[in-house]
Amino acid sequence: MNSLEVLKDLAARPGQAADYFWDDLDPAALGAHPGGHPNSVAWLIWHAARETDAQIAPLAGVEQVWTAQGFDRRFDLGDADLGYEDMGLGQDAAAARSVQVPET
């Protein structure tokens, strides 16, 4: 396995892991805070996707999907006020808890 294959494998893992449970997640499950942690299940999925996007885009020489496809504007992340560079690192508990999944 060469270095490019390793990077591709690592970038694909969060999505592959989500495939195991994605169909079982409803807004209540996405909004859950396991063990009372300030980061919800939705926040953790968002964070994993943002981390991958922010790290792979510069290596590929492209704009992050987060902004290129307008997710930064389309996601309603409540009062989190998450900008271009924000991936959730260093957020305080209140900001993390402000990421809510609307009931459908």
C-alpha atoms as a PDB file:
ATOM      1  CA  MET A   1       0.000   0.000   0.000  1.00  0.00           C
ATOM      2  CA  ASN A   2       1.520   3.330  -1.028  1.00  0.00           C
ATOM      3  CA  SER A   3       1.072   6.653   0.796  1.00  0.00           C
ATOM      4  CA  LEU A   4      -1.784   7.817  -1.450  1.00  0.00           C
ATOM      5  CA  GLU A   5      -3.696   4.604  -0.799  1.00  0.00           C
ATOM      6  CA  VAL A   6      -3.164   5.044   2.948  1.00  0.00           C
ATOM      7  CA  LEU A   7      -4.536   8.607   2.802  1.00  0.00           C
ATOM      8  CA  LYS A   8      -7.552   7.509   0.761  1.00  0.00           C
ATOM      9  CA  ASP A   9      -8.235   4.706   3.216  1.00  0.00           C
ATOM     10  CA  LEU A  10      -7.984   7.046   6.216  1.00  0.00           C
ATOM     11  CA  ALA A  11     -10.237   9.650   4.588  1.00  0.00           C
ATOM     12  CA  ALA A  12     -12.894   7.041   3.815  1.00  0.00           C
ATOM     13  CA  ARG A  13     -13.074   5.500   7.295  1.00  0.00           C
ATOM     14  CA  PRO A  14     -15.433   7.990   9.006  1.00  0.00           C
ATOM     15  CA  GLY A  15     -17.994   7.553   6.228  1.00  0.00           C
ATOM     16  CA  GLN A  16     -17.631   3.799   6.313  1.00  0.00           C
ATOM     17  CA  ALA A  17     -18.153   3.790  10.074  1.00  0.00           C
ATOM     18  CA  ALA A  18     -21.265   5.951   9.703  1.00  0.00           C
ATOM     19  CA  ASP A  19     -22.721   3.464   7.223  1.00  0.00           C
ATOM     20  CA  TYR A  20     -23.128   0.952  10.072  1.00  0.00           C
ATOM     21  CA  PHE A  21     -25.628   3.124  11.940  1.00  0.00           C
ATOM     22  CA  TRP A  22     -26.740   5.944   9.634  1.00  0.00           C
ATOM     23  CA  ASP A  23     -30.203   4.522   8.837  1.00  0.00           C
ATOM     24  CA  ASP A  24     -30.978   4.153  12.554  1.00  0.00           C
ATOM     25  CA  LEU A  25     -30.334   7.790  13.420  1.00  0.00           C
ATOM     26  CA  ASP A  26     -33.336  10.024  13.895  1.00  0.00           C
ATOM     27  CA  PRO A  27     -33.197  13.622  15.175  1.00  0.00           C
ATOM     28  CA  ALA A  28     -33.435  12.461  18.799  1.00  0.00           C
ATOM     29  CA  ALA A  29     -30.510  10.039  18.403  1.00  0.00           C
ATOM     30  CA  LEU A  30     -28.457  12.639  16.516  1.00  0.00           C
ATOM     31  CA  GLY A  31     -29.094  15.152  19.273  1.00  0.00           C
ATOM     32  CA  ALA A  32     -28.122  12.754  22.061  1.00  0.00           C
ATOM     33  CA  HIS A  33     -25.126  13.526  24.249  1.00  0.00           C
ATOM     34  CA  PRO A  34     -23.739  10.100  25.268  1.00  0.00           C
ATOM     35  CA  GLY A  35     -22.434  10.081  28.801  1.00  0.00           C
ATOM     36  CA  GLY A  36     -23.484  13.712  29.228  1.00  0.00           C
ATOM     37  CA  HIS A  37     -20.676  14.876  26.943  1.00  0.00           C
ATOM     38  CA  PRO A  38     -21.260  18.351  25.450  1.00  0.00           C
ATOM     39  CA  ASN A  39     -20.711  17.025  21.918  1.00  0.00           C
ATOM     40  CA  SER A  40     -23.799  15.392  20.423  1.00  0.00           C
ATOM     41  CA  VAL A  41     -23.730  12.512  17.970  1.00  0.00           C
ATOM     42  CA  ALA A  42     -24.528  15.047  15.200  1.00  0.00           C
ATOM     43  CA  TRP A  43     -21.654  17.262  16.330  1.00  0.00           C
ATOM     44  CA  LEU A  44     -19.236  14.320  16.255  1.00  0.00           C
ATOM     45  CA  ILE A  45     -20.302  13.342  12.722  1.00  0.00           C
ATOM     46  CA  TRP A  46     -20.009  16.969  11.566  1.00  0.00           C
ATOM     47  CA  HIS A  47     -16.594  17.295  13.230  1.00  0.00           C
ATOM     48  CA  ALA A  48     -15.245  14.121  11.598  1.00  0.00           C
ATOM     49  CA  ALA A  49     -16.425  15.315   8.177  1.00  0.00           C
ATOM     50  CA  ARG A  50     -14.975  18.809   8.676  1.00  0.00           C
ATOM     51  CA  GLU A  51     -11.627  17.433   9.830  1.00  0.00           C
ATOM     52  CA  THR A  52     -11.374  15.220   6.763  1.00  0.00           C
ATOM     53  CA  ASP A  53     -12.494  18.002   4.425  1.00  0.00           C
ATOM     54  CA  ALA A  54     -10.092  20.582   5.888  1.00  0.00           C
ATOM     55  CA  GLN A  55      -7.133  18.224   5.687  1.00  0.00           C
ATOM     56  CA  ILE A  56      -7.743  16.628   2.290  1.00  0.00           C
ATOM     57  CA  ALA A  57      -8.733  19.762   0.319  1.00  0.00           C
ATOM     58  CA  PRO A  58      -5.314  21.447   0.607  1.00  0.00           C
ATOM     59  CA  LEU A  59      -3.567  18.210  -0.359  1.00  0.00           C
ATOM     60  CA  ALA A  60      -5.784  17.944  -3.436  1.00  0.00           C
ATOM     61  CA  GLY A  61      -5.411  21.638  -4.253  1.00  0.00           C
ATOM     62  CA  VAL A  62      -9.149  22.267  -4.116  1.00  0.00           C
ATOM     63  CA  GLU A  63     -11.531  24.321  -2.001  1.00  0.00           C
ATOM     64  CA  GLN A  64     -13.094  22.598   0.976  1.00  0.00           C
ATOM     65  CA  VAL A  65     -16.463  20.966   0.261  1.00  0.00           C
ATOM     66  CA  TRP A  66     -17.796  22.851   3.304  1.00  0.00           C
ATOM     67  CA  THR A  67     -17.589  26.130   1.380  1.00  0.00           C
ATOM     68  CA  ALA A  68     -17.385  25.003  -2.262  1.00  0.00           C
ATOM     69  CA  GLN A  69     -20.793  23.362  -2.053  1.00  0.00           C
ATOM     70  CA  GLY A  70     -22.296  25.932   0.318  1.00  0.00           C
ATOM     71  CA  PHE A  71     -22.658  23.732   3.378  1.00  0.00           C
ATOM     72  CA  ASP A  72     -21.315  26.558   5.526  1.00  0.00           C
ATOM     73  CA  ARG A  73     -24.431  28.537   4.581  1.00  0.00           C
ATOM     74  CA  ARG A  74     -26.939  25.687   4.258  1.00  0.00           C
ATOM     75  CA  PHE A  75     -26.354  23.999   7.588  1.00  0.00           C
ATOM     76  CA  ASP A  76     -28.428  25.466  10.368  1.00  0.00           C
ATOM     77  CA  LEU A  77     -26.011  25.014  13.241  1.00  0.00           C
ATOM     78  CA  GLY A  78     -27.901  27.142  15.689  1.00  0.00           C
ATOM     79  CA  ASP A  79     -25.841  29.594  17.693  1.00  0.00           C
ATOM     80  CA  ALA A  80     -22.556  27.804  16.987  1.00  0.00           C
ATOM     81  CA  ASP A  81     -21.537  30.446  14.403  1.00  0.00           C
ATOM     82  CA  LEU A  82     -19.079  28.142  12.666  1.00  0.00           C
ATOM     83  CA  GLY A  83     -16.871  29.841  10.120  1.00  0.00           C
ATOM     84  CA  TYR A  84     -14.676  28.627   7.273  1.00  0.00           C
ATOM     85  CA  GLU A  85     -11.808  27.491   9.467  1.00  0.00           C
ATOM     86  CA  ASP A  86     -13.918  26.118  12.303  1.00  0.00           C
ATOM     87  CA  MET A  87     -13.905  22.375  12.780  1.00  0.00           C
ATOM     88  CA  GLY A  88     -15.087  22.392  16.361  1.00  0.00           C
ATOM     89  CA  LEU A  89     -11.666  22.270  17.974  1.00  0.00           C
ATOM     90  CA  GLY A  90     -11.537  24.342  21.138  1.00  0.00           C
ATOM     91  CA  GLN A  91     -15.264  24.989  21.296  1.00  0.00           C
ATOM     92  CA  ASP A  92     -16.601  25.448  24.778  1.00  0.00           C
ATOM     93  CA  ALA A  93     -19.435  23.243  26.011  1.00  0.00           C
ATOM     94  CA  ALA A  94     -22.102  25.888  25.285  1.00  0.00           C
ATOM     95  CA  ALA A  95     -21.036  26.232  21.634  1.00  0.00           C
ATOM     96  CA  ALA A  96     -20.925  22.455  21.177  1.00  0.00           C
ATOM     97  CA  ARG A  97     -24.366  22.048  22.736  1.00  0.00           C
ATOM     98  CA  SER A  98     -25.791  24.759  20.461  1.00  0.00           C
ATOM     99  CA  VAL A  99     -25.482  22.438  17.452  1.00  0.00           C
ATOM    100  CA  GLN A 100     -29.016  21.072  17.257  1.00  0.00           C
ATOM    101  CA  VAL A 101     -30.750  18.735  14.821  1.00  0.00           C
ATOM    102  CA  PRO A 102     -34.215  20.051  13.910  1.00  0.00           C
ATOM    103  CA  GLU A 103     -37.172  17.711  14.185  1.00  0.00           C
ATOM    104  CA  THR A 104     -38.487  16.793  10.750  1.00  0.00           C
END
